[in-house]
Amino acid sequence: MVTPDSQQDSPTNYVALFEHSARMRAIGRTIVQVANTDATVLIRGDSGVGKEVAAKAVHALSPRRDRPFIKVNCAALPAGLLESELFGHQKGAFTGAYRQKPGKFELADGGTMFLDEIGDMAIALQPKLLHVLQDGEFTRIGGSERIKVDVRVVASTNRPLEDAIRRERFREDLYYRLNVITLKLPPLRERRDEIRGLADTFLRRFNTQYGRQVSLSEDSIEALVACSWPGNVRELQNLIKRVVVLDNAALILDELAVSQPPAARGAPLETVAPPPIHGVVAGPPMAAMPPPHRPHVSAQVLREAAQRAAINAEREILRDLLHRVRWNRAEAARLLGLSFVNALFAHLRGSMALFFHPSRIIRVRTSGDRAGPVGHSSLAPHHPPAPHVGQYSTDSAQPRAYLL
C-alpha cells in the first residue's frame, strides 16, 4: 500500500511542484539535469519558498535516492554542538561524551547531506566543512582516524552570502566550493500565477491524507491569489492544511481578512472619514491628514543627553552616600568598593561640581583648572591639593578630580 508520506517522497510528486509556472518549470528542468551528478548545489531564497523541497527533489531524482537524505539546520545549534552533530565525537572527547557518536556525514554516506541555512554556520567550523567537500574525509572530535565518505552536499541559505564574505563572516573559498550549481527560488508574491495550482496540489494531498472532501470556492481562490504571502509557500501550505483538518473552506476568507492588512492583500488603502457629529463640520479624511511633525534628533544630541543624565545621577548618589556616612570619605570609599579614598571622587565626572559641607568644600576640577584652594576651605592651609585622579582619557578637556 502506498501511504501519503511515500507519495510525497516520490520523484513524480516533487516534479509536480515545479510545473505551475514557466519560471518554476525552468528551475525544475535544472534540477533534473543536475540530479544525476555529484555536483554541489546551493539553493537560495527567502524562508518558506521551498528550498528543502528543491533539495529533496535533487535527491529523489538522483541515483542516491535509495540512500539516506540527512538534513542539518546550521542555525539551530551553536558551533560546538554543530561540529559534533556533523562529524561525531570519540568517547571522552569532552564532558558528557560518554560514548562514541557517529556524525551526520557518516550516516549520510552514499546519500545526500542537506545543510540548511549554511549562511549561519560559525566561521570557525567552515574550514572543516571545506575539507570534507574537497577531500571527502574528516576526523571525529577527539579522534585521529580519518574517515572517508561519499556524500553529495546540497546547501541552502536565505542570506546574501556575498555580504557575509565582505563582513568576514563567511569564507570565500567555501562559497565557491558550494556555488557550483545555484538554484534561486523567487518568493511566492512574484509567482502569483502558480498559487492556484499550488493550492490545488496541497488540497488534494491533504484530502487524501486526512480523508476529507474539502473544495475551495472561486472567491477563496481569488483571495489566495491576491494575498502577498510573507511566509511564502510554507504559509500557503499550512493554511490549506488547516482548512482541510477543520473541514471548513470558508476559513480562508476569514483568516486572510484578519491576518492580512489591506496593503498586504494587494488592495488599496481606503480613505476613512470621521463619523458625522451633530453641529460639527467633519474634517478631512484620516488618510489625507499630514503626518505629524517629528523633529530631527541627531545621535550626538542623544549621547550628550545620556551623559548629562549619568553625571546627575552619580552626583545625587554620591551626595546621599556622603550624608549617610556623615562625610566620612574612607567609609564612603569602602561602601563603593574603591581601593583608595581619593578614587572616590573620580566618579564625579561633571565639571566644576561643588558639594558643600560645614567643614570643607569638595570640588571636581577640569584638567584646565589650576590646582589650589577653591573658595573657603579650612583644610587648604594645612593639606596641599591631592594629585588628580580619575582621568578618563588623554583628552585635555576630560575632567580630573581633586580633593581640597
Protein backbone atom coordinates (compact mmCIF):
# COMPACT_ATOMS: atom_id res chain seq x y z
CA MET A 1 0.00 0.00 0.00
CA VAL A 2 1.26 3.48 -0.85
CA THR A 3 0.96 5.93 2.03
CA PRO A 4 0.64 9.71 1.70
CA ASP A 5 4.18 10.09 3.02
CA SER A 6 5.60 7.79 0.38
CA GLN A 7 3.61 9.61 -2.27
CA GLN A 8 5.05 12.89 -1.06
CA ASP A 9 8.60 11.49 -1.28
CA SER A 10 8.18 10.12 -4.81
CA PRO A 11 10.14 11.88 -7.60
CA THR A 12 6.92 12.47 -9.56
CA ASN A 13 5.40 14.39 -6.65
CA TYR A 14 8.42 16.67 -6.33
CA VAL A 15 8.49 17.40 -10.07
CA ALA A 16 4.78 18.32 -9.93
CA LEU A 17 5.53 21.15 -7.51
CA PHE A 18 7.68 22.83 -10.20
CA GLU A 19 5.11 22.71 -13.01
CA HIS A 20 2.77 25.58 -12.09
CA SER A 21 4.63 28.43 -13.85
CA ALA A 22 7.21 28.92 -16.59
CA ARG A 23 9.70 30.28 -14.09
CA MET A 24 9.46 27.24 -11.84
CA ARG A 25 9.45 24.83 -14.77
CA ALA A 26 12.86 26.21 -15.75
CA ILE A 27 14.11 25.53 -12.20
CA GLY A 28 12.60 22.02 -12.38
CA ARG A 29 14.49 21.31 -15.61
CA THR A 30 17.74 22.40 -13.95
CA ILE A 31 17.05 20.05 -11.05
CA VAL A 32 16.54 17.15 -13.44
CA GLN A 33 19.81 17.97 -15.24
CA VAL A 34 21.97 18.15 -12.12
CA ALA A 35 20.29 15.36 -10.11
CA ASN A 36 22.24 12.50 -11.72
CA THR A 37 25.60 14.19 -10.99
CA ASP A 38 27.60 14.69 -7.80
CA ALA A 39 27.79 18.47 -8.20
CA THR A 40 27.24 20.53 -5.08
CA VAL A 41 24.02 22.56 -5.21
CA LEU A 42 23.40 25.88 -3.46
CA ILE A 43 19.70 26.81 -3.13
CA ARG A 44 18.93 30.45 -2.38
CA GLY A 45 15.69 32.17 -1.47
CA ASP A 46 13.56 33.61 1.31
CA SER A 47 12.30 31.48 4.17
CA GLY A 48 9.39 29.29 3.14
CA VAL A 49 9.89 29.40 -0.65
CA GLY A 50 10.56 25.66 -0.87
CA LYS A 51 14.34 25.27 -0.56
CA GLU A 52 14.03 21.96 1.29
CA VAL A 53 11.54 20.69 -1.32
CA ALA A 54 14.08 21.51 -4.04
CA ALA A 55 16.83 19.71 -2.11
CA LYS A 56 14.64 16.62 -1.71
CA ALA A 57 13.82 16.77 -5.41
CA VAL A 58 17.55 16.71 -6.24
CA HIS A 59 17.96 13.65 -4.03
CA ALA A 60 14.79 11.87 -5.21
CA LEU A 61 15.78 12.21 -8.87
CA SER A 62 19.40 11.14 -8.32
CA PRO A 63 20.97 7.65 -8.27
CA ARG A 64 21.30 8.17 -4.49
CA ARG A 65 17.53 8.12 -3.96
CA ASP A 66 17.68 4.79 -2.07
CA ARG A 67 20.39 6.07 0.28
CA PRO A 68 19.88 8.42 3.26
CA PHE A 69 18.81 12.04 2.93
CA ILE A 70 20.13 13.79 6.06
CA LYS A 71 19.12 17.33 6.95
CA VAL A 72 21.06 19.53 9.39
CA ASN A 73 19.91 23.03 10.31
CA CYS A 74 23.10 25.05 10.77
CA ALA A 75 21.23 27.88 12.51
CA ALA A 76 19.65 25.66 15.18
CA LEU A 77 22.83 24.64 17.03
CA PRO A 78 25.83 26.53 18.44
CA ALA A 79 29.22 25.91 16.83
CA GLY A 80 30.42 23.28 19.33
CA LEU A 81 27.27 21.16 19.12
CA LEU A 82 27.05 21.58 15.35
CA GLU A 83 30.58 20.24 14.91
CA SER A 84 29.69 17.16 16.98
CA GLU A 85 26.43 16.78 15.05
CA LEU A 86 28.16 16.88 11.67
CA PHE A 87 31.38 14.99 12.36
CA GLY A 88 30.69 12.98 15.52
CA HIS A 89 32.96 12.54 18.51
CA GLN A 90 35.02 9.94 20.33
CA LYS A 91 34.20 8.70 23.82
CA GLY A 92 35.65 11.11 26.37
CA ALA A 93 36.33 13.84 23.81
CA PHE A 94 34.59 16.36 26.07
CA THR A 95 32.44 16.49 29.18
CA GLY A 96 29.33 14.42 28.57
CA ALA A 97 30.82 12.35 25.72
CA TYR A 98 30.11 9.02 27.40
CA ARG A 99 30.20 7.04 24.19
CA GLN A 100 31.35 7.28 20.62
CA LYS A 101 28.88 9.04 18.36
CA PRO A 102 28.91 8.95 14.55
CA GLY A 103 28.28 12.26 12.80
CA LYS A 104 25.69 13.07 10.18
CA PHE A 105 28.28 12.82 7.43
CA GLU A 106 28.89 9.19 8.37
CA LEU A 107 25.18 8.48 8.47
CA ALA A 108 24.72 10.12 5.05
CA ASP A 109 27.47 8.05 3.41
CA GLY A 110 26.32 7.18 -0.11
CA GLY A 111 23.40 9.62 0.11
CA THR A 112 22.75 13.35 0.32
CA MET A 113 23.53 15.83 3.08
CA PHE A 114 21.28 18.89 3.18
CA LEU A 115 22.88 21.79 5.08
CA ASP A 116 20.02 24.18 5.73
CA GLU A 117 20.82 27.85 6.48
CA ILE A 118 24.51 27.41 5.67
CA GLY A 119 24.98 31.19 5.99
CA ASP A 120 24.52 30.90 9.78
CA MET A 121 27.37 28.41 10.25
CA ALA A 122 30.12 29.72 12.54
CA ILE A 123 33.19 30.72 10.58
CA ALA A 124 35.43 28.65 12.89
CA LEU A 125 33.66 25.49 11.66
CA GLN A 126 33.74 26.34 7.97
CA PRO A 127 37.33 25.14 7.26
CA LYS A 128 36.42 21.62 8.41
CA LEU A 129 33.39 21.58 6.12
CA LEU A 130 35.56 22.84 3.27
CA HIS A 131 37.97 19.95 3.90
CA VAL A 132 35.12 17.44 3.63
CA LEU A 133 33.93 18.99 0.36
CA GLN A 134 37.42 18.96 -1.11
CA ASP A 135 38.78 15.62 0.08
CA GLY A 136 35.73 13.67 1.22
CA GLU A 137 37.26 12.85 4.60
CA PHE A 138 37.25 14.14 8.18
CA THR A 139 38.06 13.13 11.76
CA ARG A 140 35.69 12.91 14.70
CA ILE A 141 36.12 15.32 17.61
CA GLY A 142 38.78 13.85 19.86
CA GLY A 143 39.81 11.25 17.28
CA SER A 144 42.73 10.82 14.91
CA GLU A 145 41.31 8.31 12.42
CA ARG A 146 40.48 9.75 9.01
CA ILE A 147 37.01 8.74 7.88
CA LYS A 148 36.24 8.78 4.16
CA VAL A 149 32.67 9.33 2.99
CA ASP A 150 30.84 9.62 -0.31
CA VAL A 151 28.25 12.31 0.29
CA ARG A 152 26.55 14.70 -2.08
CA VAL A 153 26.10 18.10 -0.39
CA VAL A 154 23.13 20.37 -1.03
CA ALA A 155 23.12 23.64 0.91
CA SER A 156 20.57 26.42 1.28
CA THR A 157 20.55 29.96 2.61
CA ASN A 158 18.23 32.92 2.91
CA ARG A 159 21.13 35.31 3.49
CA PRO A 160 23.23 37.20 0.92
CA LEU A 161 26.48 35.29 1.25
CA GLU A 162 28.36 37.95 -0.69
CA ASP A 163 27.67 40.44 2.11
CA ALA A 164 28.75 37.87 4.70
CA ILE A 165 32.03 37.42 2.82
CA ARG A 166 32.66 41.18 2.87
CA ARG A 167 32.00 41.21 6.62
CA GLU A 168 34.36 38.22 7.03
CA ARG A 169 31.58 36.01 8.40
CA PHE A 170 31.72 33.51 5.56
CA ARG A 171 34.77 32.05 3.85
CA GLU A 172 35.15 32.97 0.21
CA ASP A 173 36.74 29.61 -0.70
CA LEU A 174 33.82 27.75 0.90
CA TYR A 175 31.38 29.93 -1.03
CA TYR A 176 32.99 29.00 -4.37
CA ARG A 177 33.08 25.34 -3.36
CA LEU A 178 29.34 25.37 -2.61
CA ASN A 179 28.33 27.57 -5.51
CA VAL A 180 28.78 25.00 -8.29
CA ILE A 181 25.08 24.88 -9.21
CA THR A 182 22.81 27.65 -7.91
CA LEU A 183 19.03 27.47 -7.72
CA LYS A 184 17.38 30.81 -6.96
CA LEU A 185 13.80 30.33 -5.78
CA PRO A 186 11.68 33.51 -6.04
CA PRO A 187 9.19 34.48 -3.30
CA LEU A 188 5.56 33.48 -3.78
CA ARG A 189 4.45 37.10 -4.24
CA GLU A 190 6.42 37.04 -7.52
CA ARG A 191 4.77 33.77 -8.59
CA ARG A 192 1.07 34.58 -8.25
CA ASP A 193 0.28 32.64 -11.41
CA GLU A 194 1.07 29.38 -9.62
CA ILE A 195 -0.83 29.99 -6.38
CA ARG A 196 -3.96 28.38 -7.81
CA GLY A 197 -2.05 25.26 -8.87
CA LEU A 198 -0.16 25.00 -5.58
CA ALA A 199 -3.38 25.36 -3.59
CA ASP A 200 -4.98 22.59 -5.64
CA THR A 201 -1.93 20.33 -5.15
CA PHE A 202 -1.94 20.84 -1.38
CA LEU A 203 -5.72 20.41 -1.24
CA ARG A 204 -5.60 17.03 -2.98
CA ARG A 205 -2.67 15.88 -0.85
CA PHE A 206 -4.28 16.74 2.48
CA ASN A 207 -7.73 15.50 1.45
CA THR A 208 -6.11 12.11 0.75
CA GLN A 209 -4.07 12.20 3.95
CA TYR A 210 -6.96 13.10 6.27
CA GLY A 211 -9.86 11.51 4.41
CA ARG A 212 -11.66 14.75 3.67
CA GLN A 213 -13.57 16.11 0.66
CA VAL A 214 -12.87 19.82 1.06
CA SER A 215 -13.12 22.05 -2.00
CA LEU A 216 -12.40 25.75 -2.46
CA SER A 217 -14.76 28.33 -3.92
CA GLU A 218 -13.71 30.77 -6.62
CA ASP A 219 -13.83 33.60 -4.07
CA SER A 220 -11.40 31.69 -1.85
CA ILE A 221 -9.03 31.08 -4.78
CA GLU A 222 -9.10 34.76 -5.71
CA ALA A 223 -8.35 35.70 -2.09
CA LEU A 224 -5.36 33.34 -2.10
CA VAL A 225 -4.02 34.85 -5.33
CA ALA A 226 -4.43 38.42 -4.02
CA CYS A 227 -2.52 37.70 -0.80
CA SER A 228 1.13 38.79 -0.61
CA TRP A 229 2.19 35.68 1.40
CA PRO A 230 5.06 36.93 3.57
CA GLY A 231 5.54 33.32 4.70
CA ASN A 232 5.68 32.15 1.07
CA VAL A 233 4.77 28.57 0.09
CA ARG A 234 5.02 27.32 3.66
CA GLU A 235 2.33 29.76 4.78
CA LEU A 236 0.06 28.74 1.90
CA GLN A 237 0.59 25.05 2.63
CA ASN A 238 -0.18 25.48 6.33
CA LEU A 239 -3.35 27.41 5.57
CA ILE A 240 -4.66 24.73 3.19
CA LYS A 241 -3.77 22.04 5.71
CA ARG A 242 -5.67 23.89 8.44
CA VAL A 243 -8.70 24.26 6.17
CA VAL A 244 -8.71 20.52 5.41
CA VAL A 245 -8.16 19.42 9.01
CA LEU A 246 -11.00 21.65 10.24
CA ASP A 247 -13.14 20.78 7.18
CA ASN A 248 -14.04 24.43 6.71
CA ALA A 249 -13.28 26.05 3.35
CA ALA A 250 -14.77 29.38 4.49
CA LEU A 251 -11.87 29.64 6.93
CA ILE A 252 -9.68 31.02 4.13
CA LEU A 253 -11.64 34.24 3.73
CA ASP A 254 -11.90 34.73 7.49
CA GLU A 255 -8.19 34.17 8.17
CA LEU A 256 -6.96 36.32 5.30
CA ALA A 257 -9.28 39.15 6.36
CA VAL A 258 -7.84 39.05 9.90
CA SER A 259 -4.17 38.22 9.35
CA GLN A 260 -3.53 40.28 6.20
CA PRO A 261 -3.72 44.09 6.24
CA PRO A 262 -5.24 45.68 3.12
CA ALA A 263 -1.82 46.62 1.74
CA ALA A 264 -0.58 43.01 2.13
CA ARG A 265 -3.63 41.69 0.28
CA GLY A 266 -2.82 43.94 -2.66
CA ALA A 267 -5.90 46.17 -2.09
CA PRO A 268 -5.57 49.96 -1.93
CA LEU A 269 -5.86 51.64 1.42
CA GLU A 270 -9.33 53.08 1.86
CA THR A 271 -9.87 56.66 2.90
CA VAL A 272 -11.58 56.66 6.28
CA ALA A 273 -13.67 59.73 7.17
CA PRO A 274 -14.69 60.50 10.76
CA PRO A 275 -18.33 59.82 11.65
CA PRO A 276 -20.63 62.87 11.47
CA ILE A 277 -21.35 64.66 14.72
CA HIS A 278 -24.33 66.99 15.09
CA GLY A 279 -23.24 70.61 14.88
CA VAL A 280 -19.64 69.78 13.98
CA VAL A 281 -18.19 70.03 10.50
CA ALA A 282 -16.26 66.92 9.56
CA GLY A 283 -12.58 67.45 8.89
CA PRO A 284 -10.52 65.94 6.09
CA PRO A 285 -10.30 62.16 5.77
CA MET A 286 -7.75 60.44 8.00
CA ALA A 287 -5.66 59.24 5.05
CA ALA A 288 -5.37 62.87 3.86
CA MET A 289 -4.10 64.24 7.18
CA PRO A 290 -0.44 65.31 7.05
CA PRO A 291 1.98 63.19 9.03
CA PRO A 292 2.87 64.50 12.48
CA HIS A 293 5.95 66.67 12.71
CA ARG A 294 8.90 64.72 14.05
CA PRO A 295 11.86 66.95 14.91
CA HIS A 296 15.21 65.62 13.86
CA VAL A 297 17.34 64.46 16.77
CA SER A 298 20.95 63.63 15.99
CA ALA A 299 22.91 60.84 17.61
CA GLN A 300 25.27 63.41 19.16
CA VAL A 301 22.38 65.13 20.95
CA LEU A 302 21.20 61.80 22.33
CA ARG A 303 24.70 60.93 23.55
CA GLU A 304 25.11 64.28 25.28
CA ALA A 305 21.72 63.93 26.95
CA ALA A 306 22.65 60.44 28.19
CA GLN A 307 25.97 61.73 29.55
CA ARG A 308 24.27 64.59 31.40
CA ALA A 309 21.75 62.19 32.92
CA ALA A 310 24.52 59.82 34.05
CA ILE A 311 26.52 62.69 35.62
CA ASN A 312 23.49 64.00 37.50
CA ALA A 313 22.65 60.51 38.76
CA GLU A 314 26.20 59.94 40.00
CA ARG A 315 26.19 63.30 41.80
CA GLU A 316 22.95 62.53 43.60
CA ILE A 317 24.07 59.05 44.61
CA LEU A 318 27.41 60.31 45.95
CA ARG A 319 25.77 63.25 47.75
CA ASP A 320 23.30 60.91 49.50
CA LEU A 321 26.09 58.47 50.38
CA LEU A 322 28.26 61.20 51.92
CA HIS A 323 25.36 62.49 54.02
CA ARG A 324 24.58 58.94 55.14
CA VAL A 325 28.15 58.30 56.40
CA ARG A 326 28.46 61.83 57.87
CA TRP A 327 31.04 62.80 55.23
CA ASN A 328 33.42 60.01 56.23
CA ARG A 329 35.34 59.64 52.97
CA ALA A 330 37.01 56.37 53.98
CA GLU A 331 33.66 54.77 54.80
CA ALA A 332 32.13 56.09 51.57
CA ALA A 333 35.02 54.66 49.58
CA ARG A 334 34.61 51.30 51.32
CA LEU A 335 30.90 51.18 50.54
CA LEU A 336 31.64 51.96 46.89
CA GLY A 337 34.24 49.19 46.75
CA LEU A 338 37.12 51.57 45.94
CA SER A 339 40.69 50.74 46.93
CA PHE A 340 41.73 54.36 47.59
CA VAL A 341 39.87 57.18 49.26
CA ASN A 342 41.00 59.65 46.62
CA ALA A 343 39.48 57.44 43.91
CA LEU A 344 36.09 58.05 45.45
CA PHE A 345 35.67 61.34 43.65
CA ALA A 346 36.87 60.02 40.33
CA HIS A 347 33.23 59.03 39.88
CA LEU A 348 32.29 62.70 39.71
CA ARG A 349 32.71 63.19 36.00
CA GLY A 350 31.00 66.59 35.91
CA SER A 351 32.97 69.81 35.54
CA MET A 352 33.15 72.25 38.50
CA ALA A 353 30.62 70.30 40.60
CA LEU A 354 30.50 71.67 44.18
CA PHE A 355 29.46 69.67 47.24
CA PHE A 356 29.16 71.76 50.39
CA HIS A 357 29.66 70.60 53.92
CA PRO A 358 30.03 72.83 57.01
CA SER A 359 33.70 71.83 57.43
CA ARG A 360 35.01 71.50 53.85
CA ILE A 361 34.37 72.06 50.18
CA ILE A 362 34.85 69.33 47.63
CA ARG A 363 35.24 70.44 44.05
CA VAL A 364 35.75 68.45 40.86
CA ARG A 365 38.01 70.35 38.51
CA THR A 366 38.60 70.12 34.81
CA SER A 367 42.15 69.45 33.76
CA GLY A 368 42.42 73.10 32.66
CA ASP A 369 41.94 74.40 36.23
CA ARG A 370 44.95 75.39 38.27
CA ALA A 371 45.37 73.18 41.33
CA GLY A 372 44.87 75.12 44.53
CA PRO A 373 42.28 76.17 47.10
CA VAL A 374 38.78 76.86 45.88
CA GLY A 375 36.59 79.28 47.78
CA HIS A 376 36.84 78.95 51.54
CA SER A 377 38.26 75.73 52.92
CA SER A 378 39.61 75.26 56.41
CA LEU A 379 41.72 72.36 55.15
CA ALA A 380 43.50 74.28 52.39
CA PRO A 381 46.31 75.85 54.51
CA HIS A 382 47.23 72.51 56.13
CA HIS A 383 46.60 69.99 53.35
CA PRO A 384 48.00 70.65 49.88
CA PRO A 385 45.88 69.58 46.94
CA ALA A 386 45.97 65.85 46.26
CA PRO A 387 47.20 64.64 42.89
CA HIS A 388 44.49 64.37 40.29
CA VAL A 389 42.72 61.05 39.95
CA GLY A 390 40.09 59.62 37.72
CA GLN A 391 41.37 60.81 34.36
CA TYR A 392 39.19 59.06 31.81
CA SER A 393 41.13 59.70 28.59
CA THR A 394 44.10 61.57 27.17
CA ASP A 395 41.80 64.37 26.02
CA SER A 396 42.70 67.53 27.94
CA ALA A 397 39.04 68.50 28.11
CA GLN A 398 38.17 65.43 30.17
CA PRO A 399 37.55 66.13 33.90
CA ARG A 400 40.08 65.27 36.58
CA ALA A 401 39.06 65.10 40.26
CA TYR A 402 40.95 66.92 43.02
CA LEU A 403 40.32 66.72 46.76
CA LEU A 404 40.76 70.02 48.55
